[in-house]
């Protein structure tokens, strides 16, 4: 028996030692993997700046994720500001002879694609060429690629050009079937975030706002594609309605593509364009590597800081998304940094917690008292995302930004019916009349509903109050265009919700001008985490479980699950926009 226990103990010790050695080996590999990405990059003569499948365009450093299994992945994330700066630099770089867009899918938001497209269009003014090659091309990738001088398609490829649509998922019958009660309190007939819990179809008001929004965005994007490809607008509509892009020969016939060739032939075509000999190598450099070639330049002068706020808004102190405690720290740091002469607040958010949004707005108001504060909108600046912009000296929106959604709501789920059906009941003993105004089994008391309703109404009035101050309009004027309605950036400019249509670069230039800066550097906040920090920052059981579930069921389905299970999405009054419209 002693021998048995000795063997067991020896095996346990051996396993423990192996685990420790493996951990240290992994850490060493991780460190060297991170260091390898910092090697200096030299841009060779006759290089082609390449936008390909390995390029992930992100709005904020907080959107970048690394995990244990992709630390050395070739898919690199690039900030949209850095990408635009790189294209601008390449325009005047003698070593860069052209741009090659080689993306079937595109990991970028619609406003980011707009900005890239505009930057590439400006690049063409240098006289350098821009070519695109595609295999099975998403609509978003085609929107970007169509800006090229020439578009080449694989002979067995396709272009998914189909127009825009959004699909709304409804939970009312599901909740009724399984005995889940949902108490909904909202202000604004267009505040459609709660509709999935109240109805089985889209309301007329929601259908109106979504139809207007989609048509605004599609009018802007489709006109650019048609113009770039020199296709009459009427014919372009026929091409899209008929899905001609799905057939290579029809893509060629209707001028969506210029030629059907293989990828090898495409590379040879570029070599010929550069007058390279047969055995000479074609030098392609990605956006990420091109940025690395000059990113270590000295930046010790006056700064315009860009504070990125991307994701949903919550209370708390985490790195990803927009957590109020974390952003209060960032804002105070910028306020106290004497080298930072102006701040651009880049918002890409559908909103979230009303309380957290209010905390962030207050700190931004304090920052504005000390230095210029300019706001730039990305894909979303809706509800709480719009609310936190109300400290700005000036607001820039992209034409396709989902803007506004000035409205407030609360969703309170309870499980009385399903519990009762399964023999579970609850009784209450309390010291005061409303000590238990809400429970997950018994729901919300009538008086609790009354008080929460007053809270929602009070929050809405506070929301509109700050908008009236910033936009210099009356309560009635803002209430008339509020009510939870979402507008495109183009419409938002027309009705006075933003000051200018422009890019992040435009906002940075204006901030520097307002601060009286002739020479300045641009600094990004929050600071980008190393891959090592990204992996271990949230390495806990709950986070690992969430990632596993999300990978298993998909991001969209996971977001639906969160509606019922995530306390952050249930437990407070919210300013939030529910839809994430995508061009593909």
Protein backbone atom coordinates (compact mmCIF):
# COMPACT_ATOMS: atom_id res chain seq x y z
CA UNK A 1 0.00 0.00 0.00
CA UNK A 2 2.88 2.36 0.86
CA UNK A 3 4.36 1.70 -2.56
CA UNK A 4 1.04 2.61 -4.18
CA UNK A 5 0.80 5.96 -2.37
CA UNK A 6 4.44 6.72 -3.17
CA UNK A 7 3.77 6.12 -6.86
CA UNK A 8 0.64 8.30 -6.77
CA UNK A 9 2.49 11.09 -4.97
CA UNK A 10 5.41 10.84 -7.40
CA UNK A 11 3.04 11.10 -10.37
CA UNK A 12 1.31 14.14 -8.85
CA UNK A 13 4.67 15.86 -8.25
CA UNK A 14 5.83 14.99 -11.79
CA UNK A 15 2.63 16.40 -13.31
CA UNK A 16 2.98 19.58 -11.23
CA UNK A 17 6.61 20.02 -12.35
CA UNK A 18 5.66 19.48 -16.00
CA UNK A 19 2.84 22.05 -15.70
CA UNK A 20 5.19 24.62 -14.14
CA UNK A 21 7.86 24.01 -16.81
CA UNK A 22 5.25 24.23 -19.56
CA UNK A 23 3.97 27.52 -18.13
CA UNK A 24 7.45 29.07 -18.04
CA UNK A 25 8.19 27.75 -21.53
CA UNK A 26 4.95 29.29 -22.78
CA UNK A 27 5.77 32.65 -21.14
CA UNK A 28 9.21 32.67 -22.79
CA UNK A 29 7.68 31.87 -26.19
CA UNK A 30 5.11 34.60 -25.62
CA UNK A 31 7.73 37.19 -24.75
CA UNK A 32 9.89 36.36 -27.77
CA UNK A 33 6.79 36.29 -29.97
CA UNK A 34 5.88 39.78 -28.78
CA UNK A 35 9.43 41.03 -29.26
CA UNK A 36 9.59 39.68 -32.79
CA UNK A 37 6.83 42.06 -33.85
CA UNK A 38 8.98 45.04 -32.89
CA UNK A 39 11.68 44.49 -35.52
CA UNK A 40 12.37 47.55 -37.63
CA UNK A 41 10.72 47.47 -41.05
CA UNK A 42 12.48 48.80 -44.14
CA UNK A 43 10.33 49.84 -47.10
CA UNK A 44 11.99 48.59 -50.28
CA UNK A 45 11.92 50.32 -53.63
CA UNK A 46 9.01 49.51 -55.94
CA UNK A 47 6.82 48.42 -53.02
CA UNK A 48 3.06 48.00 -53.12
CA UNK A 49 0.98 48.95 -50.07
CA UNK A 50 -1.41 46.03 -49.58
CA UNK A 51 -4.79 45.91 -47.86
CA UNK A 52 -5.64 42.23 -47.47
CA UNK A 53 -7.43 39.62 -45.39
CA UNK A 54 -4.78 39.90 -42.69
CA UNK A 55 -5.68 43.53 -42.01
CA UNK A 56 -8.21 44.09 -39.22
CA UNK A 57 -9.23 47.74 -39.03
CA UNK A 58 -10.29 48.71 -35.50
CA UNK A 59 -11.55 51.96 -34.04
CA UNK A 60 -9.94 51.69 -30.61
CA UNK A 61 -7.00 49.89 -28.95
CA UNK A 62 -9.55 48.24 -26.64
CA UNK A 63 -10.99 46.29 -29.59
CA UNK A 64 -7.79 44.30 -30.08
CA UNK A 65 -7.84 40.79 -28.61
CA UNK A 66 -5.18 38.14 -28.26
CA UNK A 67 -5.55 34.67 -26.79
CA UNK A 68 -3.33 31.74 -25.94
CA UNK A 69 -3.58 30.21 -29.40
CA UNK A 70 -3.11 33.13 -31.79
CA UNK A 71 -0.28 35.10 -30.21
CA UNK A 72 1.73 34.91 -33.44
CA UNK A 73 -1.23 35.15 -35.77
CA UNK A 74 -0.55 36.99 -39.01
CA UNK A 75 -3.87 38.83 -38.67
CA UNK A 76 -2.83 42.22 -37.34
CA UNK A 77 -5.10 44.95 -36.04
CA UNK A 78 -4.58 48.50 -37.25
CA UNK A 79 -6.19 51.62 -35.80
CA UNK A 80 -8.26 53.48 -38.38
CA UNK A 81 -6.35 56.72 -37.68
CA UNK A 82 -3.02 54.96 -38.27
CA UNK A 83 -4.35 53.34 -41.46
CA UNK A 84 -5.43 56.69 -42.88
CA UNK A 85 -2.13 58.29 -41.91
CA UNK A 86 -0.26 55.44 -43.64
CA UNK A 87 -2.18 55.90 -46.90
CA UNK A 88 -1.53 59.63 -46.73
CA UNK A 89 2.21 59.06 -46.19
CA UNK A 90 2.33 56.48 -49.00
CA UNK A 91 0.96 59.09 -51.40
CA UNK A 92 4.27 60.98 -51.19
CA UNK A 93 6.58 58.02 -50.51
CA UNK A 94 8.76 57.33 -53.58
CA UNK A 95 9.20 53.72 -52.49
CA UNK A 96 5.44 53.07 -52.66
CA UNK A 97 4.32 52.76 -56.28
CA UNK A 98 0.69 51.80 -55.76
CA UNK A 99 -1.96 50.17 -53.62
CA UNK A 100 -3.30 46.62 -53.99
CA UNK A 101 -6.62 45.80 -52.30
CA UNK A 102 -6.87 42.03 -51.85
CA UNK A 103 -9.76 41.51 -49.45
CA UNK A 104 -12.71 39.17 -49.93
CA UNK A 105 -13.93 39.91 -46.42
CA UNK A 106 -13.27 43.10 -44.52
CA UNK A 107 -13.08 43.38 -40.76
CA UNK A 108 -14.02 47.05 -40.53
CA UNK A 109 -17.04 49.20 -39.78
CA UNK A 110 -18.91 51.09 -42.45
CA UNK A 111 -17.60 54.52 -41.47
CA UNK A 112 -14.07 53.08 -41.36
CA UNK A 113 -14.49 51.74 -44.90
CA UNK A 114 -15.76 55.18 -45.96
CA UNK A 115 -12.65 56.81 -44.52
CA UNK A 116 -10.33 54.26 -46.15
CA UNK A 117 -12.12 54.74 -49.45
CA UNK A 118 -11.75 58.53 -49.27
CA UNK A 119 -8.06 58.21 -48.35
CA UNK A 120 -7.40 55.86 -51.29
CA UNK A 121 -9.29 58.20 -53.60
CA UNK A 122 -6.99 61.01 -52.45
CA UNK A 123 -3.96 58.72 -52.92
CA UNK A 124 -4.89 58.33 -56.60
CA UNK A 125 -4.31 62.05 -57.11
CA UNK A 126 -0.57 61.29 -56.87
CA UNK A 127 -0.81 59.48 -60.21
CA UNK A 128 0.02 56.14 -58.57
CA UNK A 129 -2.19 53.17 -59.40
CA UNK A 130 -4.76 51.36 -57.26
CA UNK A 131 -5.79 47.81 -58.23
CA UNK A 132 -8.18 45.37 -56.57
CA UNK A 133 -8.36 41.59 -56.73
CA UNK A 134 -11.18 39.45 -55.38
CA UNK A 135 -12.31 35.82 -55.13
CA UNK A 136 -15.60 35.54 -53.21
CA UNK A 137 -16.13 39.18 -52.31
CA UNK A 138 -18.42 40.48 -49.56
CA UNK A 139 -20.40 43.65 -50.17
CA UNK A 140 -18.30 45.58 -47.66
CA UNK A 141 -15.07 44.49 -49.38
CA UNK A 142 -16.49 45.43 -52.78
CA UNK A 143 -17.50 48.86 -51.47
CA UNK A 144 -13.84 49.48 -50.61
CA UNK A 145 -12.34 47.71 -53.63
CA UNK A 146 -14.55 49.48 -56.17
CA UNK A 147 -12.59 52.68 -55.60
CA UNK A 148 -9.67 51.16 -57.56
CA UNK A 149 -8.60 52.08 -61.09
CA UNK A 150 -9.08 48.44 -62.08
CA UNK A 151 -11.05 45.62 -60.46
CA UNK A 152 -9.94 42.03 -61.17
CA UNK A 153 -12.06 39.01 -60.25
CA UNK A 154 -11.26 35.31 -60.12
CA UNK A 155 -12.93 33.42 -63.03
CA UNK A 156 -14.73 31.22 -60.47
CA UNK A 157 -15.38 34.04 -58.03
CA UNK A 158 -18.39 36.17 -57.11
CA UNK A 159 -19.35 39.59 -55.72
CA UNK A 160 -22.07 39.62 -53.07
CA UNK A 161 -23.68 42.90 -54.12
CA UNK A 162 -27.23 42.86 -52.75
CA UNK A 163 -28.18 46.10 -50.97
CA UNK A 164 -28.81 46.59 -47.26
CA UNK A 165 -31.19 44.98 -44.81
CA UNK A 166 -31.46 44.49 -41.07
CA UNK A 167 -33.09 41.63 -39.22
CA UNK A 168 -34.71 42.14 -35.81
CA UNK A 169 -35.11 39.14 -33.50
CA UNK A 170 -38.20 39.02 -31.26
CA UNK A 171 -38.48 37.17 -27.93
CA UNK A 172 -42.09 37.79 -26.84
CA UNK A 173 -43.46 34.36 -27.81
CA UNK A 174 -40.35 32.69 -26.41
CA UNK A 175 -40.82 34.48 -23.10
CA UNK A 176 -44.55 33.68 -23.04
CA UNK A 177 -43.94 30.01 -23.89
CA UNK A 178 -41.46 29.47 -21.07
CA UNK A 179 -43.17 31.68 -18.48
CA UNK A 180 -40.60 34.48 -18.44
CA UNK A 181 -42.13 37.81 -17.44
CA UNK A 182 -40.58 41.02 -18.76
CA UNK A 183 -41.44 44.43 -17.34
CA UNK A 184 -40.55 47.16 -19.85
CA UNK A 185 -40.43 50.89 -19.14
CA UNK A 186 -39.34 53.34 -21.84
CA UNK A 187 -39.53 56.91 -23.05
CA UNK A 188 -39.78 57.49 -26.79
CA UNK A 189 -42.02 55.87 -29.37
CA UNK A 190 -38.91 55.19 -31.48
CA UNK A 191 -37.02 53.61 -28.53
CA UNK A 192 -37.08 50.22 -30.20
CA UNK A 193 -34.44 48.52 -28.05
CA UNK A 194 -37.28 47.00 -26.01
CA UNK A 195 -39.55 45.99 -28.92
CA UNK A 196 -38.24 42.41 -29.09
CA UNK A 197 -39.71 41.85 -25.62
CA UNK A 198 -43.08 43.50 -26.39
CA UNK A 199 -44.02 42.43 -29.92
CA UNK A 200 -43.62 39.76 -32.56
CA UNK A 201 -42.99 42.18 -35.44
CA UNK A 202 -41.47 45.56 -36.18
CA UNK A 203 -43.63 48.51 -35.15
CA UNK A 204 -44.62 51.10 -37.79
CA UNK A 205 -42.44 53.70 -36.02
CA UNK A 206 -39.43 51.40 -35.97
CA UNK A 207 -39.99 50.34 -39.57
CA UNK A 208 -40.08 54.02 -40.54
CA UNK A 209 -36.81 54.89 -38.80
CA UNK A 210 -34.99 51.76 -40.01
CA UNK A 211 -36.22 52.29 -43.57
CA UNK A 212 -35.05 55.91 -43.57
CA UNK A 213 -31.72 54.98 -42.02
CA UNK A 214 -31.00 52.11 -44.41
CA UNK A 215 -31.97 54.15 -47.45
CA UNK A 216 -29.75 57.06 -46.35
CA UNK A 217 -26.76 54.76 -45.94
CA UNK A 218 -27.41 52.77 -49.13
CA UNK A 219 -27.90 55.95 -51.18
CA UNK A 220 -24.49 57.16 -50.05
CA UNK A 221 -22.62 53.87 -50.55
CA UNK A 222 -24.33 52.75 -53.77
CA UNK A 223 -23.80 56.12 -55.47
CA UNK A 224 -20.06 55.90 -54.72
CA UNK A 225 -19.78 52.36 -56.09
CA UNK A 226 -21.75 53.25 -59.23
CA UNK A 227 -19.67 56.38 -59.79
CA UNK A 228 -16.34 54.58 -59.33
CA UNK A 229 -17.37 51.82 -61.72
CA UNK A 230 -18.90 54.33 -64.17
CA UNK A 231 -22.28 52.58 -64.12
CA UNK A 232 -25.55 54.45 -64.61
CA UNK A 233 -27.54 54.59 -61.31
CA UNK A 234 -30.59 52.92 -62.88
CA UNK A 235 -28.49 50.10 -64.31
CA UNK A 236 -26.61 49.73 -61.01
CA UNK A 237 -29.93 49.23 -59.20
CA UNK A 238 -30.85 46.51 -61.70
CA UNK A 239 -27.46 44.83 -61.17
CA UNK A 240 -27.95 44.83 -57.40
CA UNK A 241 -31.60 43.73 -57.47
CA UNK A 242 -30.75 40.89 -59.87
CA UNK A 243 -27.67 39.68 -57.91
CA UNK A 244 -25.64 39.75 -61.14
CA UNK A 245 -22.43 39.99 -59.10
CA UNK A 246 -22.83 36.34 -58.07
CA UNK A 247 -22.03 35.21 -61.64
CA UNK A 248 -18.46 36.05 -62.83
CA UNK A 249 -19.42 36.54 -66.49
CA UNK A 250 -22.28 38.87 -65.51
CA UNK A 251 -19.95 40.80 -63.19
CA UNK A 252 -17.75 41.40 -66.21
CA UNK A 253 -20.67 42.14 -68.55
CA UNK A 254 -22.21 44.72 -66.21
CA UNK A 255 -18.86 46.38 -65.39
CA UNK A 256 -18.56 45.33 -61.75
CA UNK A 257 -15.16 43.89 -62.73
CA UNK A 258 -12.70 44.72 -65.49
CA UNK A 259 -11.20 41.30 -66.12
CA UNK A 260 -11.45 37.68 -64.91
CA UNK A 261 -7.97 36.42 -64.03
CA UNK A 262 -6.22 34.17 -61.52
CA UNK A 263 -4.31 35.60 -58.56
CA UNK A 264 -0.94 34.63 -60.04
CA UNK A 265 -1.85 36.48 -63.23
CA UNK A 266 -2.83 39.50 -61.13
CA UNK A 267 0.58 39.56 -59.43
CA UNK A 268 2.31 39.25 -62.81
CA UNK A 269 0.19 42.15 -64.09
CA UNK A 270 1.44 44.35 -61.23
CA UNK A 271 5.04 43.29 -61.88
CA UNK A 272 4.60 44.32 -65.49
CA UNK A 273 3.17 47.65 -64.34
CA UNK A 274 6.34 48.20 -62.28
CA UNK A 275 8.61 47.08 -65.16
CA UNK A 276 10.04 44.29 -63.01
CA UNK A 277 11.98 41.47 -64.62
CA UNK A 278 10.61 37.94 -64.54
CA UNK A 279 12.81 36.78 -61.66
CA UNK A 280 12.49 39.98 -59.63
CA UNK A 281 10.34 39.70 -56.50
CA UNK A 282 7.15 41.71 -56.11
CA UNK A 283 7.47 43.66 -52.84
CA UNK A 284 4.16 43.88 -51.04
CA UNK A 285 3.97 45.58 -47.66
CA UNK A 286 0.91 45.45 -45.40
CA UNK A 287 -0.60 48.47 -43.69
CA UNK A 288 0.63 47.19 -40.32
CA UNK A 289 4.23 46.78 -41.45
CA UNK A 290 4.23 50.09 -43.29
CA UNK A 291 3.03 51.84 -40.11
CA UNK A 292 5.79 50.06 -38.16
CA UNK A 293 8.38 51.50 -40.57
CA UNK A 294 7.87 55.00 -39.19
CA UNK A 295 5.94 54.57 -35.91
CA UNK A 296 9.05 54.82 -33.71
CA UNK A 297 9.76 58.40 -34.78
CA UNK A 298 10.28 60.86 -31.94
CA UNK A 299 7.02 62.27 -30.54
CA UNK A 300 8.13 64.52 -27.71
CA UNK A 301 6.38 67.77 -28.65
CA UNK A 302 2.92 69.17 -28.05
CA UNK A 303 0.18 66.63 -28.47
CA UNK A 304 -3.38 66.27 -29.62
CA UNK A 305 -4.70 63.26 -27.70
CA UNK A 306 -7.27 60.95 -29.25
CA UNK A 307 -9.28 59.19 -26.54
CA UNK A 308 -11.04 56.19 -28.08
CA UNK A 309 -14.33 55.01 -26.61
CA UNK A 310 -15.56 51.89 -28.37
CA UNK A 311 -18.26 49.45 -27.27
CA UNK A 312 -21.13 49.39 -24.79
CA UNK A 313 -21.08 51.66 -21.72
CA UNK A 314 -20.94 50.06 -18.25
CA UNK A 315 -20.10 50.91 -14.65
CA UNK A 316 -16.80 49.40 -13.58
CA UNK A 317 -13.06 49.31 -14.24
CA UNK A 318 -12.36 46.88 -17.10
CA UNK A 319 -10.26 47.53 -20.21
CA UNK A 320 -12.58 46.46 -23.04
CA UNK A 321 -15.77 48.39 -23.91
CA UNK A 322 -16.40 51.70 -22.09
CA UNK A 323 -16.26 51.25 -18.32
CA UNK A 324 -16.88 54.49 -16.44
CA UNK A 325 -14.21 54.16 -13.73
CA UNK A 326 -11.55 53.39 -16.32
CA UNK A 327 -12.55 56.32 -18.55
CA UNK A 328 -12.68 58.73 -15.63
CA UNK A 329 -9.02 57.85 -15.00
CA UNK A 330 -8.15 58.41 -18.66
CA UNK A 331 -9.94 61.76 -18.77
CA UNK A 332 -8.27 63.03 -15.58
CA UNK A 333 -4.88 61.92 -16.89
CA UNK A 334 -5.43 63.94 -20.09
CA UNK A 335 -6.66 66.91 -18.06
CA UNK A 336 -3.46 66.95 -15.98
CA UNK A 337 -1.02 66.23 -18.84
CA UNK A 338 0.52 69.60 -19.79
CA UNK A 339 1.85 68.25 -23.10
CA UNK A 340 -1.69 67.43 -24.23
CA UNK A 341 -3.03 70.71 -25.64
CA UNK A 342 -6.33 69.41 -27.05
CA UNK A 343 -8.38 66.21 -26.90
CA UNK A 344 -10.39 64.43 -29.59
CA UNK A 345 -12.95 62.05 -28.09
CA UNK A 346 -13.63 59.31 -30.66
CA UNK A 347 -16.99 57.63 -29.93
CA UNK A 348 -18.07 54.34 -31.45
CA UNK A 349 -20.82 53.20 -29.09
CA UNK A 350 -24.50 52.16 -29.16
CA UNK A 351 -24.82 53.30 -25.52
CA UNK A 352 -25.49 51.39 -22.33
CA UNK A 353 -25.77 52.37 -18.66
CA UNK A 354 -27.36 55.78 -18.05
CA UNK A 355 -25.47 56.19 -14.78
CA UNK A 356 -22.09 55.35 -16.31
CA UNK A 357 -22.78 57.68 -19.25
CA UNK A 358 -23.56 60.50 -16.83
CA UNK A 359 -20.31 59.93 -14.91
CA UNK A 360 -18.25 60.09 -18.09
CA UNK A 361 -20.06 63.21 -19.33
CA UNK A 362 -19.33 65.06 -16.08
CA UNK A 363 -15.59 64.36 -16.28
CA UNK A 364 -15.51 65.45 -19.91
CA UNK A 365 -17.19 68.72 -18.93
CA UNK A 366 -14.36 69.31 -16.44
CA UNK A 367 -11.78 68.52 -19.13
CA UNK A 368 -13.41 71.00 -21.50
CA UNK A 369 -12.84 73.81 -18.99
CA UNK A 370 -9.06 73.34 -19.37
CA UNK A 371 -8.48 72.46 -23.04
CA UNK A 372 -10.38 72.08 -26.34
CA UNK A 373 -12.54 68.97 -26.57
CA UNK A 374 -13.62 67.85 -30.04
CA UNK A 375 -15.81 64.79 -30.63
CA UNK A 376 -15.60 62.44 -33.62
CA UNK A 377 -18.25 59.78 -34.28
CA UNK A 378 -17.50 56.34 -35.73
CA UNK A 379 -20.09 53.72 -36.72
CA UNK A 380 -22.31 54.43 -33.70
CA UNK A 381 -22.97 57.44 -31.51
CA UNK A 382 -26.39 56.45 -30.27
CA UNK A 383 -28.21 56.93 -26.98
CA UNK A 384 -25.53 56.85 -24.24
CA UNK A 385 -22.94 57.10 -27.01
CA UNK A 386 -24.52 60.41 -28.07
CA UNK A 387 -25.05 61.54 -24.47
CA UNK A 388 -21.33 61.44 -23.62
CA UNK A 389 -20.63 63.72 -26.61
CA UNK A 390 -22.54 66.60 -25.03
CA UNK A 391 -19.42 68.19 -23.52
CA UNK A 392 -17.90 68.83 -26.95
CA UNK A 393 -16.80 72.18 -28.37
CA UNK A 394 -17.60 70.69 -31.79
CA UNK A 395 -18.99 67.37 -33.05
CA UNK A 396 -17.88 65.65 -36.27
CA UNK A 397 -19.96 62.79 -37.63
CA UNK A 398 -19.42 60.48 -40.58
CA UNK A 399 -22.26 60.47 -43.16
CA UNK A 400 -23.13 56.86 -42.28
CA UNK A 401 -22.84 57.13 -38.50
CA UNK A 402 -25.89 55.87 -36.59
CA UNK A 403 -26.58 58.99 -34.57
CA UNK A 404 -28.99 60.14 -31.88
CA UNK A 405 -31.42 57.65 -30.28
CA UNK A 406 -32.20 60.21 -27.58
CA UNK A 407 -34.29 57.97 -25.35
CA UNK A 408 -34.23 55.91 -22.14
CA UNK A 409 -35.54 52.50 -21.11
CA UNK A 410 -35.44 49.75 -18.49
CA UNK A 411 -36.03 46.01 -18.97
CA UNK A 412 -36.76 43.89 -15.87
CA UNK A 413 -37.15 40.12 -16.37
CA UNK A 414 -38.79 37.83 -13.80
CA UNK A 415 -39.65 34.13 -13.70
CA UNK A 416 -42.81 33.76 -11.60
CA UNK A 417 -44.88 31.73 -14.08
CA UNK A 418 -42.16 29.24 -15.03
CA UNK A 419 -41.25 28.85 -11.35
CA UNK A 420 -44.87 28.22 -10.34
CA UNK A 421 -45.31 25.67 -13.13
CA UNK A 422 -42.39 23.74 -11.68
CA UNK A 423 -43.57 23.87 -8.08
CA UNK A 424 -41.46 26.83 -6.96
CA UNK A 425 -43.05 29.68 -5.04
CA UNK A 426 -41.75 32.50 -2.90
CA UNK A 427 -43.20 34.46 0.00
CA UNK A 428 -41.89 37.70 1.43
CA UNK A 429 -41.19 39.05 4.92
CA UNK A 430 -40.12 42.71 4.95
CA UNK A 431 -39.65 45.69 7.28
CA UNK A 432 -41.00 48.34 4.92
CA UNK A 433 -43.69 48.72 2.28
CA UNK A 434 -41.28 48.34 -0.64
CA UNK A 435 -38.31 46.49 0.82
CA UNK A 436 -38.89 43.85 -1.85
CA UNK A 437 -40.24 45.95 -4.71
CA UNK A 438 -38.53 43.53 -7.13
CA UNK A 439 -37.59 39.86 -7.06
CA UNK A 440 -36.68 37.46 -9.83
CA UNK A 441 -39.63 35.24 -8.85
CA UNK A 442 -42.39 37.75 -8.08
CA UNK A 443 -41.49 40.55 -10.47
CA UNK A 444 -41.96 44.27 -9.82
CA UNK A 445 -44.59 45.69 -7.50
CA UNK A 446 -47.01 48.29 -8.96
CA UNK A 447 -45.38 50.99 -6.83
CA UNK A 448 -41.95 49.83 -8.01
CA UNK A 449 -43.07 50.19 -11.63
CA UNK A 450 -44.34 53.68 -10.84
CA UNK A 451 -41.04 54.77 -9.31
CA UNK A 452 -38.90 53.21 -12.07
CA UNK A 453 -41.11 54.98 -14.61
CA UNK A 454 -40.41 58.28 -12.84
CA UNK A 455 -36.71 57.43 -12.95
CA UNK A 456 -36.85 56.78 -16.70
CA UNK A 457 -38.73 60.05 -17.30
CA UNK A 458 -36.27 61.97 -15.11
CA UNK A 459 -33.30 60.47 -16.95
CA UNK A 460 -34.85 61.36 -20.31
CA UNK A 461 -35.35 64.99 -19.22
CA UNK A 462 -31.73 65.11 -18.03
CA UNK A 463 -30.63 63.67 -21.38
CA UNK A 464 -32.57 66.27 -23.35
CA UNK A 465 -31.35 69.04 -21.02
CA UNK A 466 -27.70 68.39 -21.87
CA UNK A 467 -28.52 68.09 -25.57
CA UNK A 468 -30.32 71.47 -25.51
CA UNK A 469 -27.28 73.06 -23.88
CA UNK A 470 -24.79 71.64 -26.38
CA UNK A 471 -26.93 71.94 -29.52
CA UNK A 472 -28.46 75.31 -28.55
CA UNK A 473 -32.01 74.18 -29.25
CA UNK A 474 -35.15 74.18 -27.13
CA UNK A 475 -36.47 71.19 -25.17
CA UNK A 476 -39.38 70.93 -27.60
CA UNK A 477 -37.07 70.94 -30.64
CA UNK A 478 -34.88 68.15 -29.24
CA UNK A 479 -37.87 66.16 -27.97
CA UNK A 480 -39.35 66.33 -31.47
CA UNK A 481 -36.26 64.71 -33.06
CA UNK A 482 -35.55 62.53 -30.01
CA UNK A 483 -37.99 59.92 -28.80
CA UNK A 484 -35.31 57.25 -29.26
CA UNK A 485 -35.05 57.78 -33.01
CA UNK A 486 -31.80 56.92 -34.80
CA UNK A 487 -30.59 59.11 -37.67
CA UNK A 488 -27.82 58.80 -40.24
CA UNK A 489 -24.95 61.26 -39.83
CA UNK A 490 -26.15 63.09 -42.94
CA UNK A 491 -29.61 63.65 -41.42
CA UNK A 492 -28.11 64.43 -38.02
CA UNK A 493 -26.21 67.32 -39.60
CA UNK A 494 -29.40 68.60 -41.27
CA UNK A 495 -31.37 68.62 -38.00
CA UNK A 496 -28.55 70.05 -35.89
CA UNK A 497 -27.48 67.02 -33.83
CA UNK A 498 -23.89 67.39 -35.10
CA UNK A 499 -21.80 70.31 -36.36
CA UNK A 500 -19.87 68.90 -39.30
CA UNK A 501 -19.60 65.84 -41.52
CA UNK A 502 -15.99 64.76 -41.35
CA UNK A 503 -13.47 62.11 -40.42
CA UNK A 504 -11.37 61.53 -37.31
CA UNK A 505 -8.52 63.25 -39.15
CA UNK A 506 -10.70 66.31 -39.68
CA UNK A 507 -11.49 66.38 -35.95
CA UNK A 508 -7.79 66.13 -35.05
CA UNK A 509 -6.86 68.98 -37.40
CA UNK A 510 -9.60 71.19 -35.98
CA UNK A 511 -8.55 70.38 -32.39
CA UNK A 512 -4.97 71.41 -33.20
CA UNK A 513 -6.21 74.59 -34.82
CA UNK A 514 -8.40 75.44 -31.83
CA UNK A 515 -5.43 74.88 -29.51
CA UNK A 516 -3.26 77.14 -31.70
CA UNK A 517 -0.83 74.35 -32.63
CA UNK A 518 1.21 74.57 -35.82
CA UNK A 519 3.33 71.52 -35.03
CA UNK A 520 2.03 68.59 -32.98
CA UNK A 521 2.01 64.83 -32.52
CA UNK A 522 -1.06 62.63 -32.13
CA UNK A 523 -1.17 60.39 -29.05
CA UNK A 524 -3.66 57.54 -28.65
CA UNK A 525 -5.47 56.69 -25.41
CA UNK A 526 -6.00 54.23 -23.85
CA UNK A 527 -2.52 52.88 -24.40
CA UNK A 528 -2.37 49.70 -26.43
CA UNK A 529 -1.81 46.55 -24.39
CA UNK A 530 0.91 44.09 -25.30
CA UNK A 531 -0.27 40.63 -26.42
CA UNK A 532 0.96 39.28 -23.06
CA UNK A 533 -1.21 41.76 -21.13
CA UNK A 534 -4.23 41.10 -23.36
CA UNK A 535 -4.12 37.38 -22.69
CA UNK A 536 -3.82 37.59 -18.92
CA UNK A 537 -5.86 40.70 -18.11
CA UNK A 538 -9.16 38.82 -17.77
CA UNK A 539 -7.95 35.25 -17.36
CA UNK A 540 -10.71 34.04 -15.06
CA UNK A 541 -13.22 31.23 -15.15
CA UNK A 542 -16.18 33.45 -16.09
CA UNK A 543 -14.34 35.14 -18.97
CA UNK A 544 -13.00 31.84 -20.35
CA UNK A 545 -16.50 30.31 -20.18
CA UNK A 546 -17.99 33.30 -22.00
CA UNK A 547 -15.40 33.05 -24.77
CA UNK A 548 -16.03 29.33 -25.18
CA UNK A 549 -19.81 29.85 -25.42
CA UNK A 550 -19.41 32.74 -27.86
CA UNK A 551 -17.11 30.69 -30.10
CA UNK A 552 -19.51 27.75 -29.98
CA UNK A 553 -22.82 29.51 -30.72
CA UNK A 554 -21.58 32.57 -32.62
CA UNK A 555 -21.43 36.26 -31.69
CA UNK A 556 -25.01 37.13 -32.75
CA UNK A 557 -26.57 34.25 -30.81
CA UNK A 558 -24.39 35.06 -27.80
CA UNK A 559 -25.69 38.64 -27.78
CA UNK A 560 -29.27 37.28 -27.73
CA UNK A 561 -28.36 35.01 -24.80
CA UNK A 562 -26.91 37.97 -22.92
CA UNK A 563 -30.26 39.78 -23.08
CA UNK A 564 -31.56 37.20 -20.61
CA UNK A 565 -28.46 36.33 -18.58
CA UNK A 566 -26.19 39.39 -18.25
CA UNK A 567 -27.02 41.44 -15.17
CA UNK A 568 -25.30 44.48 -16.70
CA UNK A 569 -27.97 44.50 -19.42
CA UNK A 570 -30.90 44.13 -17.01
CA UNK A 571 -30.33 45.84 -13.71
CA UNK A 572 -30.54 49.56 -14.43
CA UNK A 573 -31.95 52.36 -16.55
CA UNK A 574 -30.25 52.35 -19.92
CA UNK A 575 -29.51 54.64 -22.85
CA UNK A 576 -28.90 52.12 -25.59
CA UNK A 577 -29.36 51.54 -29.33
CA UNK A 578 -30.12 47.90 -30.16
CA UNK A 579 -29.21 47.43 -33.82
CA UNK A 580 -25.82 46.89 -35.38
CA UNK A 581 -26.40 47.52 -39.07
CA UNK A 582 -23.74 46.14 -41.38
CA UNK A 583 -23.29 46.59 -45.10
CA UNK A 584 -22.44 42.91 -45.63
